[in-house]
Amino acid sequence: ESGGGLVQAGGSLRLSCAASGSIYMLNAMGWY
């Protein structure tokens, strides 16, 4: 994951998550 940080209320932020390695099929993804 990347993109986290400190922001003010009302602001915006964009998180990214990149999968790497040997993957045959990437199904559902999500954020918790």
PDB file of all heavy atoms in Angstrom:
ATOM      1  N   GLU A   1       0.829  -1.196   0.000  1.00  0.00           N
ATOM      2  CA  GLU A   1       0.000   0.000   0.000  1.00  0.00           C
ATOM      3  C   GLU A   1       0.868   1.252   0.000  1.00  0.00           C
ATOM      4  O   GLU A   1       1.994   1.244   0.497  1.00  0.00           O
ATOM      5  CB  GLU A   1      -0.921   0.042   1.230  1.00  0.00           C
ATOM      6  CG  GLU A   1      -1.862  -1.139   1.359  1.00  0.00           C
ATOM      7  CD  GLU A   1      -1.372  -2.163   2.348  1.00  0.00           C
ATOM      8  OE1 GLU A   1      -0.133  -2.283   2.525  1.00  0.00           O
ATOM      9  OE2 GLU A   1      -2.210  -2.850   2.957  1.00  0.00           O
ATOM     10  N   SER A   2       0.308   2.329  -0.517  1.00  0.00           N
ATOM     11  CA  SER A   2       0.970   3.616  -0.493  1.00  0.00           C
ATOM     12  C   SER A   2      -0.081   4.713  -0.562  1.00  0.00           C
ATOM     13  O   SER A   2      -1.232   4.458  -0.909  1.00  0.00           O
ATOM     14  CB  SER A   2       1.960   3.756  -1.651  1.00  0.00           C
ATOM     15  OG  SER A   2       1.295   3.679  -2.901  1.00  0.00           O
ATOM     16  N   GLY A   3       0.315   5.920  -0.230  1.00  0.00           N
ATOM     17  CA  GLY A   3      -0.571   7.060  -0.341  1.00  0.00           C
ATOM     18  C   GLY A   3      -1.130   7.581   0.961  1.00  0.00           C
ATOM     19  O   GLY A   3      -1.820   8.606   0.974  1.00  0.00           O
ATOM     20  N   GLY A   4      -0.861   6.898   2.054  1.00  0.00           N
ATOM     21  CA  GLY A   4      -1.351   7.367   3.336  1.00  0.00           C
ATOM     22  C   GLY A   4      -0.601   8.601   3.795  1.00  0.00           C
ATOM     23  O   GLY A   4       0.448   8.952   3.255  1.00  0.00           O
ATOM     24  N   GLY A   5      -1.151   9.259   4.797  1.00  0.00           N
ATOM     25  CA  GLY A   5      -0.516  10.456   5.316  1.00  0.00           C
ATOM     26  C   GLY A   5      -1.429  11.230   6.226  1.00  0.00           C
ATOM     27  O   GLY A   5      -2.466  10.740   6.667  1.00  0.00           O
ATOM     28  N   LEU A   6      -1.026  12.453   6.503  1.00  0.00           N
ATOM     29  CA  LEU A   6      -1.779  13.354   7.370  1.00  0.00           C
ATOM     30  C   LEU A   6      -2.500  14.394   6.526  1.00  0.00           C
ATOM     31  O   LEU A   6      -1.871  15.075   5.710  1.00  0.00           O
ATOM     32  CB  LEU A   6      -0.837  14.047   8.354  1.00  0.00           C
ATOM     33  CG  LEU A   6      -1.436  15.115   9.263  1.00  0.00           C
ATOM     34  CD1 LEU A   6      -2.468  14.496  10.192  1.00  0.00           C
ATOM     35  CD2 LEU A   6      -0.337  15.801  10.055  1.00  0.00           C
ATOM     36  N   VAL A   7      -3.804  14.496   6.713  1.00  0.00           N
ATOM     37  CA  VAL A   7      -4.605  15.465   5.974  1.00  0.00           C
ATOM     38  C   VAL A   7      -5.569  16.167   6.914  1.00  0.00           C
ATOM     39  O   VAL A   7      -5.895  15.655   7.984  1.00  0.00           O
ATOM     40  CB  VAL A   7      -5.394  14.806   4.824  1.00  0.00           C
ATOM     41  CG1 VAL A   7      -4.448  14.191   3.803  1.00  0.00           C
ATOM     42  CG2 VAL A   7      -6.347  13.753   5.364  1.00  0.00           C
ATOM     43  N   GLN A   8      -6.020  17.333   6.494  1.00  0.00           N
ATOM     44  CA  GLN A   8      -7.012  18.070   7.261  1.00  0.00           C
ATOM     45  C   GLN A   8      -8.410  17.563   6.955  1.00  0.00           C
ATOM     46  O   GLN A   8      -8.669  17.020   5.877  1.00  0.00           O
ATOM     47  CB  GLN A   8      -6.935  19.560   6.948  1.00  0.00           C
ATOM     48  CG  GLN A   8      -5.648  20.231   7.385  1.00  0.00           C
ATOM     49  CD  GLN A   8      -5.645  21.714   7.089  1.00  0.00           C
ATOM     50  OE1 GLN A   8      -6.455  22.205   6.301  1.00  0.00           O
ATOM     51  NE2 GLN A   8      -4.739  22.433   7.718  1.00  0.00           N
ATOM     52  N   ALA A   9      -9.304  17.724   7.904  1.00  0.00           N
ATOM     53  CA  ALA A   9     -10.697  17.354   7.682  1.00  0.00           C
ATOM     54  C   ALA A   9     -11.229  18.075   6.455  1.00  0.00           C
ATOM     55  O   ALA A   9     -10.986  19.266   6.265  1.00  0.00           O
ATOM     56  CB  ALA A   9     -11.537  17.692   8.904  1.00  0.00           C
ATOM     57  N   GLY A  10     -11.948  17.340   5.633  1.00  0.00           N
ATOM     58  CA  GLY A  10     -12.466  17.888   4.396  1.00  0.00           C
ATOM     59  C   GLY A  10     -11.542  17.692   3.217  1.00  0.00           C
ATOM     60  O   GLY A  10     -11.942  17.938   2.070  1.00  0.00           O
ATOM     61  N   GLY A  11     -10.336  17.240   3.477  1.00  0.00           N
ATOM     62  CA  GLY A  11      -9.366  17.028   2.431  1.00  0.00           C
ATOM     63  C   GLY A  11      -9.533  15.691   1.738  1.00  0.00           C
ATOM     64  O   GLY A  11     -10.446  14.923   2.044  1.00  0.00           O
ATOM     65  N   SER A  12      -8.621  15.421   0.813  1.00  0.00           N
ATOM     66  CA  SER A  12      -8.681  14.199   0.020  1.00  0.00           C
ATOM     67  C   SER A  12      -7.357  13.460   0.047  1.00  0.00           C
ATOM     68  O   SER A  12      -6.297  14.042   0.274  1.00  0.00           O
ATOM     69  CB  SER A  12      -9.043  14.523  -1.437  1.00  0.00           C
ATOM     70  OG  SER A  12     -10.323  15.113  -1.539  1.00  0.00           O
ATOM     71  N   LEU A  13      -7.440  12.167  -0.206  1.00  0.00           N
ATOM     72  CA  LEU A  13      -6.264  11.323  -0.235  1.00  0.00           C
ATOM     73  C   LEU A  13      -6.552  10.152  -1.159  1.00  0.00           C
ATOM     74  O   LEU A  13      -7.693   9.682  -1.219  1.00  0.00           O
ATOM     75  CB  LEU A  13      -5.946  10.823   1.167  1.00  0.00           C
ATOM     76  CG  LEU A  13      -4.500  10.477   1.531  1.00  0.00           C
ATOM     77  CD1 LEU A  13      -3.599  11.693   1.362  1.00  0.00           C
ATOM     78  CD2 LEU A  13      -4.436   9.976   2.966  1.00  0.00           C
ATOM     79  N   ARG A  14      -5.537   9.702  -1.866  1.00  0.00           N
ATOM     80  CA  ARG A  14      -5.700   8.558  -2.755  1.00  0.00           C
ATOM     81  C   ARG A  14      -4.725   7.459  -2.367  1.00  0.00           C
ATOM     82  O   ARG A  14      -3.515   7.650  -2.410  1.00  0.00           O
ATOM     83  CB  ARG A  14      -5.469   8.952  -4.209  1.00  0.00           C
ATOM     84  CG  ARG A  14      -5.910   7.874  -5.209  1.00  0.00           C
ATOM     85  CD  ARG A  14      -5.467   8.202  -6.613  1.00  0.00           C
ATOM     86  NE  ARG A  14      -6.139   7.383  -7.611  1.00  0.00           N
ATOM     87  CZ  ARG A  14      -5.592   6.998  -8.768  1.00  0.00           C
ATOM     88  NH1 ARG A  14      -4.356   7.374  -9.076  1.00  0.00           N
ATOM     89  NH2 ARG A  14      -6.292   6.263  -9.622  1.00  0.00           N
ATOM     90  N   LEU A  15      -5.261   6.310  -2.019  1.00  0.00           N
ATOM     91  CA  LEU A  15      -4.453   5.164  -1.655  1.00  0.00           C
ATOM     92  C   LEU A  15      -4.284   4.234  -2.844  1.00  0.00           C
ATOM     93  O   LEU A  15      -5.181   4.094  -3.673  1.00  0.00           O
ATOM     94  CB  LEU A  15      -5.092   4.387  -0.507  1.00  0.00           C
ATOM     95  CG  LEU A  15      -5.429   5.161   0.767  1.00  0.00           C
ATOM     96  CD1 LEU A  15      -5.997   4.206   1.819  1.00  0.00           C
ATOM     97  CD2 LEU A  15      -4.208   5.888   1.303  1.00  0.00           C
ATOM     98  N   SER A  16      -3.134   3.595  -2.910  1.00  0.00           N
ATOM     99  CA  SER A  16      -2.857   2.622  -3.949  1.00  0.00           C
ATOM    100  C   SER A  16      -2.362   1.334  -3.315  1.00  0.00           C
ATOM    101  O   SER A  16      -1.718   1.351  -2.273  1.00  0.00           O
ATOM    102  CB  SER A  16      -1.797   3.143  -4.924  1.00  0.00           C
ATOM    103  OG  SER A  16      -2.225   4.311  -5.581  1.00  0.00           O
ATOM    104  N   CYS A  17      -2.662   0.229  -3.958  1.00  0.00           N
ATOM    105  CA  CYS A  17      -2.176  -1.068  -3.513  1.00  0.00           C
ATOM    106  C   CYS A  17      -1.805  -1.882  -4.737  1.00  0.00           C
ATOM    107  O   CYS A  17      -2.671  -2.191  -5.562  1.00  0.00           O
ATOM    108  CB  CYS A  17      -3.238  -1.796  -2.690  1.00  0.00           C
ATOM    109  SG  CYS A  17      -2.814  -3.513  -2.289  1.00  0.00           S
ATOM    110  N   ALA A  18      -0.547  -2.229  -4.840  1.00  0.00           N
ATOM    111  CA  ALA A  18      -0.048  -2.995  -5.970  1.00  0.00           C
ATOM    112  C   ALA A  18       0.281  -4.422  -5.549  1.00  0.00           C
ATOM    113  O   ALA A  18       0.978  -4.636  -4.559  1.00  0.00           O
ATOM    114  CB  ALA A  18       1.185  -2.325  -6.558  1.00  0.00           C
ATOM    115  N   ALA A  19      -0.223  -5.366  -6.311  1.00  0.00           N
ATOM    116  CA  ALA A  19       0.067  -6.774  -6.064  1.00  0.00           C
ATOM    117  C   ALA A  19       1.224  -7.217  -6.941  1.00  0.00           C
ATOM    118  O   ALA A  19       1.291  -6.870  -8.121  1.00  0.00           O
ATOM    119  CB  ALA A  19      -1.158  -7.629  -6.346  1.00  0.00           C
ATOM    120  N   SER A  20       2.124  -7.978  -6.370  1.00  0.00           N
ATOM    121  CA  SER A  20       3.262  -8.473  -7.127  1.00  0.00           C
ATOM    122  C   SER A  20       3.529  -9.926  -6.774  1.00  0.00           C
ATOM    123  O   SER A  20       3.016 -10.446  -5.791  1.00  0.00           O
ATOM    124  CB  SER A  20       4.511  -7.625  -6.860  1.00  0.00           C
ATOM    125  OG  SER A  20       4.895  -7.702  -5.498  1.00  0.00           O
ATOM    126  N   GLY A  21       4.356 -10.565  -7.577  1.00  0.00           N
ATOM    127  CA  GLY A  21       4.676 -11.961  -7.366  1.00  0.00           C
ATOM    128  C   GLY A  21       3.967 -12.853  -8.359  1.00  0.00           C
ATOM    129  O   GLY A  21       3.346 -12.380  -9.311  1.00  0.00           O
ATOM    130  N   SER A  22       4.068 -14.138  -8.121  1.00  0.00           N
ATOM    131  CA  SER A  22       3.446 -15.115  -9.005  1.00  0.00           C
ATOM    132  C   SER A  22       1.956 -15.208  -8.703  1.00  0.00           C
ATOM    133  O   SER A  22       1.552 -15.726  -7.669  1.00  0.00           O
ATOM    134  CB  SER A  22       4.112 -16.484  -8.830  1.00  0.00           C
ATOM    135  OG  SER A  22       3.538 -17.442  -9.694  1.00  0.00           O
ATOM    136  N   ILE A  23       1.155 -14.689  -9.603  1.00  0.00           N
ATOM    137  CA  ILE A  23      -0.299 -14.675  -9.441  1.00  0.00           C
ATOM    138  C   ILE A  23      -0.939 -15.196 -10.709  1.00  0.00           C
ATOM    139  O   ILE A  23      -0.727 -14.642 -11.790  1.00  0.00           O
ATOM    140  CB  ILE A  23      -0.812 -13.258  -9.137  1.00  0.00           C
ATOM    141  CG1 ILE A  23      -0.196 -12.721  -7.851  1.00  0.00           C
ATOM    142  CG2 ILE A  23      -2.337 -13.265  -9.044  1.00  0.00           C
ATOM    143  CD1 ILE A  23      -0.514 -11.271  -7.577  1.00  0.00           C
ATOM    144  N   TYR A  24      -1.726 -16.238 -10.570  1.00  0.00           N
ATOM    145  CA  TYR A  24      -2.429 -16.780 -11.714  1.00  0.00           C
ATOM    146  C   TYR A  24      -3.685 -15.972 -12.022  1.00  0.00           C
ATOM    147  O   TYR A  24      -3.949 -15.652 -13.184  1.00  0.00           O
ATOM    148  CB  TYR A  24      -2.788 -18.249 -11.494  1.00  0.00           C
ATOM    149  CG  TYR A  24      -3.622 -18.822 -12.611  1.00  0.00           C
ATOM    150  CD1 TYR A  24      -3.047 -19.135 -13.831  1.00  0.00           C
ATOM    151  CD2 TYR A  24      -4.987 -19.033 -12.450  1.00  0.00           C
ATOM    152  CE1 TYR A  24      -3.805 -19.646 -14.868  1.00  0.00           C
ATOM    153  CE2 TYR A  24      -5.751 -19.550 -13.486  1.00  0.00           C
ATOM    154  CZ  TYR A  24      -5.158 -19.857 -14.693  1.00  0.00           C
ATOM    155  OH  TYR A  24      -5.917 -20.368 -15.725  1.00  0.00           O
ATOM    156  N   MET A  25      -4.452 -15.679 -10.995  1.00  0.00           N
ATOM    157  CA  MET A  25      -5.686 -14.934 -11.179  1.00  0.00           C
ATOM    158  C   MET A  25      -5.955 -14.049  -9.975  1.00  0.00           C
ATOM    159  O   MET A  25      -5.976 -14.506  -8.839  1.00  0.00           O
ATOM    160  CB  MET A  25      -6.858 -15.887 -11.400  1.00  0.00           C
ATOM    161  CG  MET A  25      -8.190 -15.193 -11.663  1.00  0.00           C
ATOM    162  SD  MET A  25      -9.508 -16.373 -12.027  1.00  0.00           S
ATOM    163  CE  MET A  25      -8.945 -16.984 -13.628  1.00  0.00           C
ATOM    164  N   LEU A  26      -6.168 -12.778 -10.245  1.00  0.00           N
ATOM    165  CA  LEU A  26      -6.477 -11.807  -9.212  1.00  0.00           C
ATOM    166  C   LEU A  26      -7.975 -11.567  -9.207  1.00  0.00           C
ATOM    167  O   LEU A  26      -8.528 -11.070 -10.190  1.00  0.00           O
ATOM    168  CB  LEU A  26      -5.715 -10.514  -9.474  1.00  0.00           C
ATOM    169  CG  LEU A  26      -5.756  -9.415  -8.426  1.00  0.00           C
ATOM    170  CD1 LEU A  26      -5.177  -9.907  -7.112  1.00  0.00           C
ATOM    171  CD2 LEU A  26      -4.988  -8.200  -8.930  1.00  0.00           C
ATOM    172  N   ASN A  27      -8.616 -11.927  -8.119  1.00  0.00           N
ATOM    173  CA  ASN A  27     -10.067 -11.827  -8.043  1.00  0.00           C
ATOM    174  C   ASN A  27     -10.479 -10.522  -7.361  1.00  0.00           C
ATOM    175  O   ASN A  27      -9.991  -9.460  -7.716  1.00  0.00           O
ATOM    176  CB  ASN A  27     -10.635 -13.051  -7.329  1.00  0.00           C
ATOM    177  CG  ASN A  27     -10.282 -14.344  -8.049  1.00  0.00           C
ATOM    178  OD1 ASN A  27     -10.414 -14.443  -9.273  1.00  0.00           O
ATOM    179  ND2 ASN A  27      -9.849 -15.350  -7.301  1.00  0.00           N
ATOM    180  N   ALA A  28     -11.372 -10.614  -6.399  1.00  0.00           N
ATOM    181  CA  ALA A  28     -11.836  -9.414  -5.727  1.00  0.00           C
ATOM    182  C   ALA A  28     -10.728  -8.770  -4.905  1.00  0.00           C
ATOM    183  O   ALA A  28      -9.860  -9.456  -4.358  1.00  0.00           O
ATOM    184  CB  ALA A  28     -13.028  -9.736  -4.830  1.00  0.00           C
ATOM    185  N   MET A  29     -10.760  -7.454  -4.816  1.00  0.00           N
ATOM    186  CA  MET A  29      -9.820  -6.708  -3.998  1.00  0.00           C
ATOM    187  C   MET A  29     -10.609  -5.738  -3.135  1.00  0.00           C
ATOM    188  O   MET A  29     -11.755  -5.412  -3.443  1.00  0.00           O
ATOM    189  CB  MET A  29      -8.812  -5.954  -4.862  1.00  0.00           C
ATOM    190  CG  MET A  29      -8.028  -6.847  -5.808  1.00  0.00           C
ATOM    191  SD  MET A  29      -6.755  -5.958  -6.748  1.00  0.00           S
ATOM    192  CE  MET A  29      -5.498  -5.743  -5.467  1.00  0.00           C
ATOM    193  N   GLY A  30      -9.995  -5.287  -2.073  1.00  0.00           N
ATOM    194  CA  GLY A  30     -10.714  -4.387  -1.195  1.00  0.00           C
ATOM    195  C   GLY A  30      -9.817  -3.644  -0.239  1.00  0.00           C
ATOM    196  O   GLY A  30      -8.606  -3.879  -0.170  1.00  0.00           O
ATOM    197  N   TRP A  31     -10.441  -2.738   0.470  1.00  0.00           N
ATOM    198  CA  TRP A  31      -9.769  -1.951   1.491  1.00  0.00           C
ATOM    199  C   TRP A  31     -10.480  -2.114   2.824  1.00  0.00           C
ATOM    200  O   TRP A  31     -11.718  -2.075   2.889  1.00  0.00           O
ATOM    201  CB  TRP A  31      -9.738  -0.467   1.123  1.00  0.00           C
ATOM    202  CG  TRP A  31      -8.831  -0.149  -0.013  1.00  0.00           C
ATOM    203  CD1 TRP A  31      -9.152  -0.058  -1.332  1.00  0.00           C
ATOM    204  CD2 TRP A  31      -7.428   0.129   0.078  1.00  0.00           C
ATOM    205  NE1 TRP A  31      -8.051   0.258  -2.083  1.00  0.00           N
ATOM    206  CE2 TRP A  31      -6.977   0.378  -1.240  1.00  0.00           C
ATOM    207  CE3 TRP A  31      -6.519   0.192   1.126  1.00  0.00           C
ATOM    208  CZ2 TRP A  31      -5.644   0.686  -1.525  1.00  0.00           C
ATOM    209  CZ3 TRP A  31      -5.196   0.488   0.852  1.00  0.00           C
ATOM    210  CH2 TRP A  31      -4.771   0.739  -0.456  1.00  0.00           C
ATOM    211  N   TYR A  32      -9.701  -2.295   3.860  1.00  0.00           N
ATOM    212  CA  TYR A  32     -10.191  -2.367   5.227  1.00  0.00           C
ATOM    213  C   TYR A  32      -9.421  -1.356   6.059  1.00  0.00           C
ATOM    214  O   TYR A  32      -8.339  -0.922   5.672  1.00  0.00           O
ATOM    215  CB  TYR A  32      -9.997  -3.768   5.809  1.00  0.00           C
ATOM    216  CG  TYR A  32     -10.834  -4.840   5.144  1.00  0.00           C
ATOM    217  CD1 TYR A  32     -10.544  -5.287   3.858  1.00  0.00           C
ATOM    218  CD2 TYR A  32     -11.918  -5.419   5.809  1.00  0.00           C
ATOM    219  CE1 TYR A  32     -11.310  -6.258   3.243  1.00  0.00           C
ATOM    220  CE2 TYR A  32     -12.686  -6.400   5.212  1.00  0.00           C
ATOM    221  CZ  TYR A  32     -12.377  -6.821   3.928  1.00  0.00           C
ATOM    222  OH  TYR A  32     -13.138  -7.796   3.328  1.00  0.00           O
TER     223      TYR A  32
END
